[in-house]
Structure formats: C-alpha cells, structure tokens
C-alpha cells in the first residue's frame, strides 16, 4: 500500500544528498574557474561581450571589498554560517530549495577555501574574483551561486508561506 511512498527518513536522506551534491558541484566548479583565472588572467583583461570582461582581483575583504583586514574573522564567520546552514537542512522542503541551499553552502565553502588556502597564514588568504561587469563589484562563481541560491530559497519560502496563508484552517472543535 505504501510501497511507492518514501518514508520520512528517506526523504530526509534524499534532501541531504541533494544539498551535499549541489554543494560539492558548486565548490568544484568555483575552484576550477578560480584556478583557471589565476593562470590565464595574471596580467591581462579579457573583454567578452557588452560590459562583461574577465579581470583577476584578489579580495581580502568581503562583499564589495569591505573589511580588508578581517580575514581570519571572515573565515570563522563562514565556517559558522556553513555549519548552521548544514544543520538546518532538514527544514528545507522541496528539490529547488535544496539545490538553492546547496548553492549557498558550496559558494561559501569556495570562498572559505580561498581564505584558508590562498594566503601566507590561516584565514589570511584572498578570495579570487574575476567576473567584471564594470558596473558592479567584481565577483566569482561562488558569489553567483550564493546569490542565486539565496533568491531560490527566499522565493521558495515566500511561496510556501503564501500557500500556508491561503490554506483553509480547521474549525475549532
């Protein structure tokens, strides 16, 4: 009777697996593109289309290059954020939200890897940024996935809340 219906633990396992796979995929893509950028863009700029170009920048701060001297603190904050997101993965419902959360975690891990491994000391590394729109701060693949993941998760939360608000309520009895 319930053979085709997944049990709660299987759903939880499937959700965790989706998040983990998305996270690892984003982390790998991010690190591969950064490795390419470090080699290919050392002292050059590649103009692509319209205002899009590739230009190598090493960012020791966080969003929009703020907090340039906070490297170790930013690394610790990233570790805490990734931990909290991973521990809250069971609250995410739906495949798209799982993939979005995986994008956020994978992107955070990609930038954390730069801070930890691309410097003279722990947490003193610089994040490799190379996507330059010329009208927006330079960013990387990890940043793009963090942003896209946030949008996906927030849209999912908004839609879920609207569904709940529109659902008929049980009469007290």
C-alpha atoms as a PDB file:
ATOM      1  CA  UNK A   1       0.000   0.000   0.000  1.00  0.00           C
ATOM      2  CA  UNK A   2       2.790   2.487   0.871  1.00  0.00           C
ATOM      3  CA  UNK A   3       5.492   0.904  -1.303  1.00  0.00           C
ATOM      4  CA  UNK A   4       5.806   3.870  -3.658  1.00  0.00           C
ATOM      5  CA  UNK A   5       5.631   6.480  -0.934  1.00  0.00           C
ATOM      6  CA  UNK A   6       9.007   7.489   0.559  1.00  0.00           C
ATOM      7  CA  UNK A   7       9.278   7.407   4.318  1.00  0.00           C
ATOM      8  CA  UNK A   8      10.373  10.472   6.287  1.00  0.00           C
ATOM      9  CA  UNK A   9      13.956   9.231   6.826  1.00  0.00           C
ATOM     10  CA  UNK A  10      14.354   8.514   3.093  1.00  0.00           C
ATOM     11  CA  UNK A  11      13.068  11.972   2.266  1.00  0.00           C
ATOM     12  CA  UNK A  12      15.486  13.476   4.765  1.00  0.00           C
ATOM     13  CA  UNK A  13      18.352  11.416   3.326  1.00  0.00           C
ATOM     14  CA  UNK A  14      17.416  12.366  -0.232  1.00  0.00           C
ATOM     15  CA  UNK A  15      17.233  16.031   0.746  1.00  0.00           C
ATOM     16  CA  UNK A  16      20.612  15.902   2.477  1.00  0.00           C
ATOM     17  CA  UNK A  17      22.106  14.120  -0.522  1.00  0.00           C
ATOM     18  CA  UNK A  18      20.714  16.749  -2.934  1.00  0.00           C
ATOM     19  CA  UNK A  19      22.170  19.546  -0.820  1.00  0.00           C
ATOM     20  CA  UNK A  20      25.531  17.779  -0.498  1.00  0.00           C
ATOM     21  CA  UNK A  21      25.770  17.056  -4.242  1.00  0.00           C
ATOM     22  CA  UNK A  22      24.855  20.645  -5.144  1.00  0.00           C
ATOM     23  CA  UNK A  23      27.372  21.974  -2.592  1.00  0.00           C
ATOM     24  CA  UNK A  24      30.220  19.813  -3.881  1.00  0.00           C
ATOM     25  CA  UNK A  25      29.390  20.614  -7.521  1.00  0.00           C
ATOM     26  CA  UNK A  26      29.423  24.366  -6.827  1.00  0.00           C
ATOM     27  CA  UNK A  27      32.627  24.102  -4.776  1.00  0.00           C
ATOM     28  CA  UNK A  28      34.397  22.174  -7.567  1.00  0.00           C
ATOM     29  CA  UNK A  29      33.177  24.496 -10.333  1.00  0.00           C
ATOM     30  CA  UNK A  30      34.196  27.524  -8.285  1.00  0.00           C
ATOM     31  CA  UNK A  31      37.682  26.230  -7.524  1.00  0.00           C
ATOM     32  CA  UNK A  32      38.269  25.109 -11.130  1.00  0.00           C
ATOM     33  CA  UNK A  33      37.282  28.513 -12.510  1.00  0.00           C
ATOM     34  CA  UNK A  34      39.446  30.291  -9.933  1.00  0.00           C
ATOM     35  CA  UNK A  35      42.443  28.066 -10.747  1.00  0.00           C
ATOM     36  CA  UNK A  36      41.948  28.911 -14.422  1.00  0.00           C
ATOM     37  CA  UNK A  37      41.606  32.641 -13.648  1.00  0.00           C
ATOM     38  CA  UNK A  38      44.827  32.738 -11.616  1.00  0.00           C
ATOM     39  CA  UNK A  39      46.781  31.205 -14.511  1.00  0.00           C
ATOM     40  CA  UNK A  40      45.032  32.793 -17.504  1.00  0.00           C
ATOM     41  CA  UNK A  41      44.333  36.294 -16.201  1.00  0.00           C
ATOM     42  CA  UNK A  42      47.533  37.083 -14.339  1.00  0.00           C
ATOM     43  CA  UNK A  43      48.292  40.398 -16.036  1.00  0.00           C
ATOM     44  CA  UNK A  44      45.586  40.648 -18.643  1.00  0.00           C
ATOM     45  CA  UNK A  45      41.955  41.515 -19.123  1.00  0.00           C
ATOM     46  CA  UNK A  46      39.708  39.558 -21.475  1.00  0.00           C
ATOM     47  CA  UNK A  47      36.798  41.536 -22.927  1.00  0.00           C
ATOM     48  CA  UNK A  48      33.843  39.266 -23.687  1.00  0.00           C
ATOM     49  CA  UNK A  49      30.527  40.920 -24.539  1.00  0.00           C
ATOM     50  CA  UNK A  50      28.967  44.282 -23.763  1.00  0.00           C
ATOM     51  CA  UNK A  51      30.455  45.292 -20.370  1.00  0.00           C
ATOM     52  CA  UNK A  52      31.375  41.734 -19.339  1.00  0.00           C
ATOM     53  CA  UNK A  53      35.072  41.094 -19.023  1.00  0.00           C
ATOM     54  CA  UNK A  54      37.379  38.843 -17.045  1.00  0.00           C
ATOM     55  CA  UNK A  55      39.898  40.546 -14.769  1.00  0.00           C
ATOM     56  CA  UNK A  56      41.785  38.992 -11.859  1.00  0.00           C
ATOM     57  CA  UNK A  57      41.425  40.592  -8.424  1.00  0.00           C
ATOM     58  CA  UNK A  58      42.423  39.205  -5.016  1.00  0.00           C
ATOM     59  CA  UNK A  59      39.868  40.304  -2.416  1.00  0.00           C
ATOM     60  CA  UNK A  60      40.885  40.060   1.253  1.00  0.00           C
ATOM     61  CA  UNK A  61      37.610  41.596   2.411  1.00  0.00           C
ATOM     62  CA  UNK A  62      34.019  40.520   1.939  1.00  0.00           C
ATOM     63  CA  UNK A  63      31.143  41.909  -0.130  1.00  0.00           C
ATOM     64  CA  UNK A  64      32.243  44.867  -2.257  1.00  0.00           C
ATOM     65  CA  UNK A  65      35.791  44.588  -0.809  1.00  0.00           C
ATOM     66  CA  UNK A  66      34.744  45.875   2.629  1.00  0.00           C
ATOM     67  CA  UNK A  67      36.598  44.666   5.740  1.00  0.00           C
ATOM     68  CA  UNK A  68      40.026  44.204   4.166  1.00  0.00           C
ATOM     69  CA  UNK A  69      41.737  43.378   7.486  1.00  0.00           C
ATOM     70  CA  UNK A  70      39.135  40.939   8.784  1.00  0.00           C
ATOM     71  CA  UNK A  71      40.371  37.785   7.002  1.00  0.00           C
ATOM     72  CA  UNK A  72      40.524  35.397  10.000  1.00  0.00           C
ATOM     73  CA  UNK A  73      37.221  36.712  11.382  1.00  0.00           C
ATOM     74  CA  UNK A  74      35.573  36.281   7.977  1.00  0.00           C
ATOM     75  CA  UNK A  75      36.883  32.712   7.763  1.00  0.00           C
ATOM     76  CA  UNK A  76      35.400  31.882  11.176  1.00  0.00           C
ATOM     77  CA  UNK A  77      32.096  33.538  10.281  1.00  0.00           C
ATOM     78  CA  UNK A  78      31.972  31.499   7.056  1.00  0.00           C
ATOM     79  CA  UNK A  79      32.575  28.275   8.996  1.00  0.00           C
ATOM     80  CA  UNK A  80      29.754  29.115  11.412  1.00  0.00           C
ATOM     81  CA  UNK A  81      27.372  30.045   8.582  1.00  0.00           C
ATOM     82  CA  UNK A  82      28.091  26.836   6.661  1.00  0.00           C
ATOM     83  CA  UNK A  83      27.591  24.818   9.857  1.00  0.00           C
ATOM     84  CA  UNK A  84      24.288  26.497  10.669  1.00  0.00           C
ATOM     85  CA  UNK A  85      23.035  26.063   7.102  1.00  0.00           C
ATOM     86  CA  UNK A  86      24.011  22.391   7.054  1.00  0.00           C
ATOM     87  CA  UNK A  87      22.387  21.732  10.423  1.00  0.00           C
ATOM     88  CA  UNK A  88      19.190  23.456   9.276  1.00  0.00           C
ATOM     89  CA  UNK A  89      18.970  21.463   6.032  1.00  0.00           C
ATOM     90  CA  UNK A  90      16.095  19.349   7.423  1.00  0.00           C
ATOM     91  CA  UNK A  91      13.898  22.468   7.447  1.00  0.00           C
ATOM     92  CA  UNK A  92      14.231  22.882   3.687  1.00  0.00           C
ATOM     93  CA  UNK A  93      11.315  21.418   1.772  1.00  0.00           C
ATOM     94  CA  UNK A  94      11.413  20.825  -1.961  1.00  0.00           C
ATOM     95  CA  UNK A  95      14.035  19.984  -4.539  1.00  0.00           C
ATOM     96  CA  UNK A  96      14.608  23.561  -5.729  1.00  0.00           C
ATOM     97  CA  UNK A  97      15.093  24.860  -2.198  1.00  0.00           C
ATOM     98  CA  UNK A  98      17.553  22.016  -1.540  1.00  0.00           C
ATOM     99  CA  UNK A  99      19.528  22.923  -4.650  1.00  0.00           C
ATOM    100  CA  UNK A 100      19.440  26.603  -3.652  1.00  0.00           C
ATOM    101  CA  UNK A 101      20.750  25.789  -0.184  1.00  0.00           C
ATOM    102  CA  UNK A 102      23.449  23.634  -1.784  1.00  0.00           C
ATOM    103  CA  UNK A 103      24.467  26.602  -3.935  1.00  0.00           C
ATOM    104  CA  UNK A 104      24.779  28.831  -0.883  1.00  0.00           C
ATOM    105  CA  UNK A 105      26.810  26.253   1.051  1.00  0.00           C
ATOM    106  CA  UNK A 106      29.027  25.388  -1.935  1.00  0.00           C
ATOM    107  CA  UNK A 107      29.687  29.048  -2.680  1.00  0.00           C
ATOM    108  CA  UNK A 108      30.516  29.803   0.943  1.00  0.00           C
ATOM    109  CA  UNK A 109      32.888  26.821   1.013  1.00  0.00           C
ATOM    110  CA  UNK A 110      34.542  28.003  -2.216  1.00  0.00           C
ATOM    111  CA  UNK A 111      35.278  31.447  -0.817  1.00  0.00           C
ATOM    112  CA  UNK A 112      36.295  29.922   2.525  1.00  0.00           C
ATOM    113  CA  UNK A 113      38.786  27.665   0.717  1.00  0.00           C
ATOM    114  CA  UNK A 114      40.378  30.767  -0.802  1.00  0.00           C
ATOM    115  CA  UNK A 115      40.664  32.457   2.586  1.00  0.00           C
ATOM    116  CA  UNK A 116      42.231  29.376   4.141  1.00  0.00           C
ATOM    117  CA  UNK A 117      44.483  28.113   1.345  1.00  0.00           C
ATOM    118  CA  UNK A 118      45.402  31.169  -0.746  1.00  0.00           C
ATOM    119  CA  UNK A 119      47.426  33.057   1.849  1.00  0.00           C
ATOM    120  CA  UNK A 120      50.534  33.020   3.994  1.00  0.00           C
ATOM    121  CA  UNK A 121      48.629  32.053   7.151  1.00  0.00           C
ATOM    122  CA  UNK A 122      45.270  30.539   8.130  1.00  0.00           C
ATOM    123  CA  UNK A 123      42.465  32.872   7.217  1.00  0.00           C
ATOM    124  CA  UNK A 124      44.807  35.433   5.685  1.00  0.00           C
ATOM    125  CA  UNK A 125      44.162  34.400   2.095  1.00  0.00           C
ATOM    126  CA  UNK A 126      42.387  36.381  -0.560  1.00  0.00           C
ATOM    127  CA  UNK A 127      39.281  35.369  -2.457  1.00  0.00           C
ATOM    128  CA  UNK A 128      39.869  35.177  -6.210  1.00  0.00           C
ATOM    129  CA  UNK A 129      37.366  37.370  -8.060  1.00  0.00           C
ATOM    130  CA  UNK A 130      37.426  37.629 -11.840  1.00  0.00           C
ATOM    131  CA  UNK A 131      33.974  38.331 -13.322  1.00  0.00           C
ATOM    132  CA  UNK A 132      33.831  42.053 -14.043  1.00  0.00           C
ATOM    133  CA  UNK A 133      30.645  43.682 -15.326  1.00  0.00           C
ATOM    134  CA  UNK A 134      32.259  47.135 -14.933  1.00  0.00           C
ATOM    135  CA  UNK A 135      29.082  48.480 -13.314  1.00  0.00           C
ATOM    136  CA  UNK A 136      29.038  46.023 -10.385  1.00  0.00           C
ATOM    137  CA  UNK A 137      31.779  44.885  -7.998  1.00  0.00           C
ATOM    138  CA  UNK A 138      33.978  42.104  -9.395  1.00  0.00           C
ATOM    139  CA  UNK A 139      32.795  38.659  -8.265  1.00  0.00           C
ATOM    140  CA  UNK A 140      33.310  34.938  -8.828  1.00  0.00           C
ATOM    141  CA  UNK A 141      31.318  31.759  -9.451  1.00  0.00           C
ATOM    142  CA  UNK A 142      30.873  31.182  -5.699  1.00  0.00           C
ATOM    143  CA  UNK A 143      29.344  34.640  -5.274  1.00  0.00           C
ATOM    144  CA  UNK A 144      26.962  33.999  -8.178  1.00  0.00           C
ATOM    145  CA  UNK A 145      25.783  30.712  -6.653  1.00  0.00           C
ATOM    146  CA  UNK A 146      25.397  32.252  -3.188  1.00  0.00           C
ATOM    147  CA  UNK A 147      23.209  34.984  -4.682  1.00  0.00           C
ATOM    148  CA  UNK A 148      21.195  32.623  -6.897  1.00  0.00           C
ATOM    149  CA  UNK A 149      20.797  30.169  -4.007  1.00  0.00           C
ATOM    150  CA  UNK A 150      19.503  32.921  -1.729  1.00  0.00           C
ATOM    151  CA  UNK A 151      16.987  34.027  -4.348  1.00  0.00           C
ATOM    152  CA  UNK A 152      15.778  30.435  -4.850  1.00  0.00           C
ATOM    153  CA  UNK A 153      15.435  29.753  -1.115  1.00  0.00           C
ATOM    154  CA  UNK A 154      13.699  33.082  -0.444  1.00  0.00           C
ATOM    155  CA  UNK A 155      11.263  32.553  -3.334  1.00  0.00           C
ATOM    156  CA  UNK A 156      10.532  29.074  -2.028  1.00  0.00           C
ATOM    157  CA  UNK A 157       9.914  30.417   1.492  1.00  0.00           C
ATOM    158  CA  UNK A 158       7.661  33.162   0.120  1.00  0.00           C
ATOM    159  CA  UNK A 159       5.624  30.716  -1.961  1.00  0.00           C
ATOM    160  CA  UNK A 160       5.377  28.250   0.936  1.00  0.00           C
ATOM    161  CA  UNK A 161       4.150  30.991   3.254  1.00  0.00           C
ATOM    162  CA  UNK A 162       1.556  32.133   0.712  1.00  0.00           C
ATOM    163  CA  UNK A 163       0.330  28.547   0.332  1.00  0.00           C
ATOM    164  CA  UNK A 164       0.037  28.203   4.106  1.00  0.00           C
ATOM    165  CA  UNK A 165      -1.774  31.522   4.427  1.00  0.00           C
ATOM    166  CA  UNK A 166      -4.239  30.527   1.708  1.00  0.00           C
ATOM    167  CA  UNK A 167      -4.859  27.028   3.062  1.00  0.00           C
ATOM    168  CA  UNK A 168      -8.214  26.533   4.771  1.00  0.00           C
ATOM    169  CA  UNK A 169      -7.958  26.398   8.518  1.00  0.00           C
ATOM    170  CA  UNK A 170      -9.542  23.707  10.596  1.00  0.00           C
ATOM    171  CA  UNK A 171     -12.558  24.746  12.579  1.00  0.00           C
ATOM    172  CA  UNK A 172     -12.024  24.625  16.329  1.00  0.00           C
ATOM    173  CA  UNK A 173     -13.775  21.713  17.757  1.00  0.00           C
END
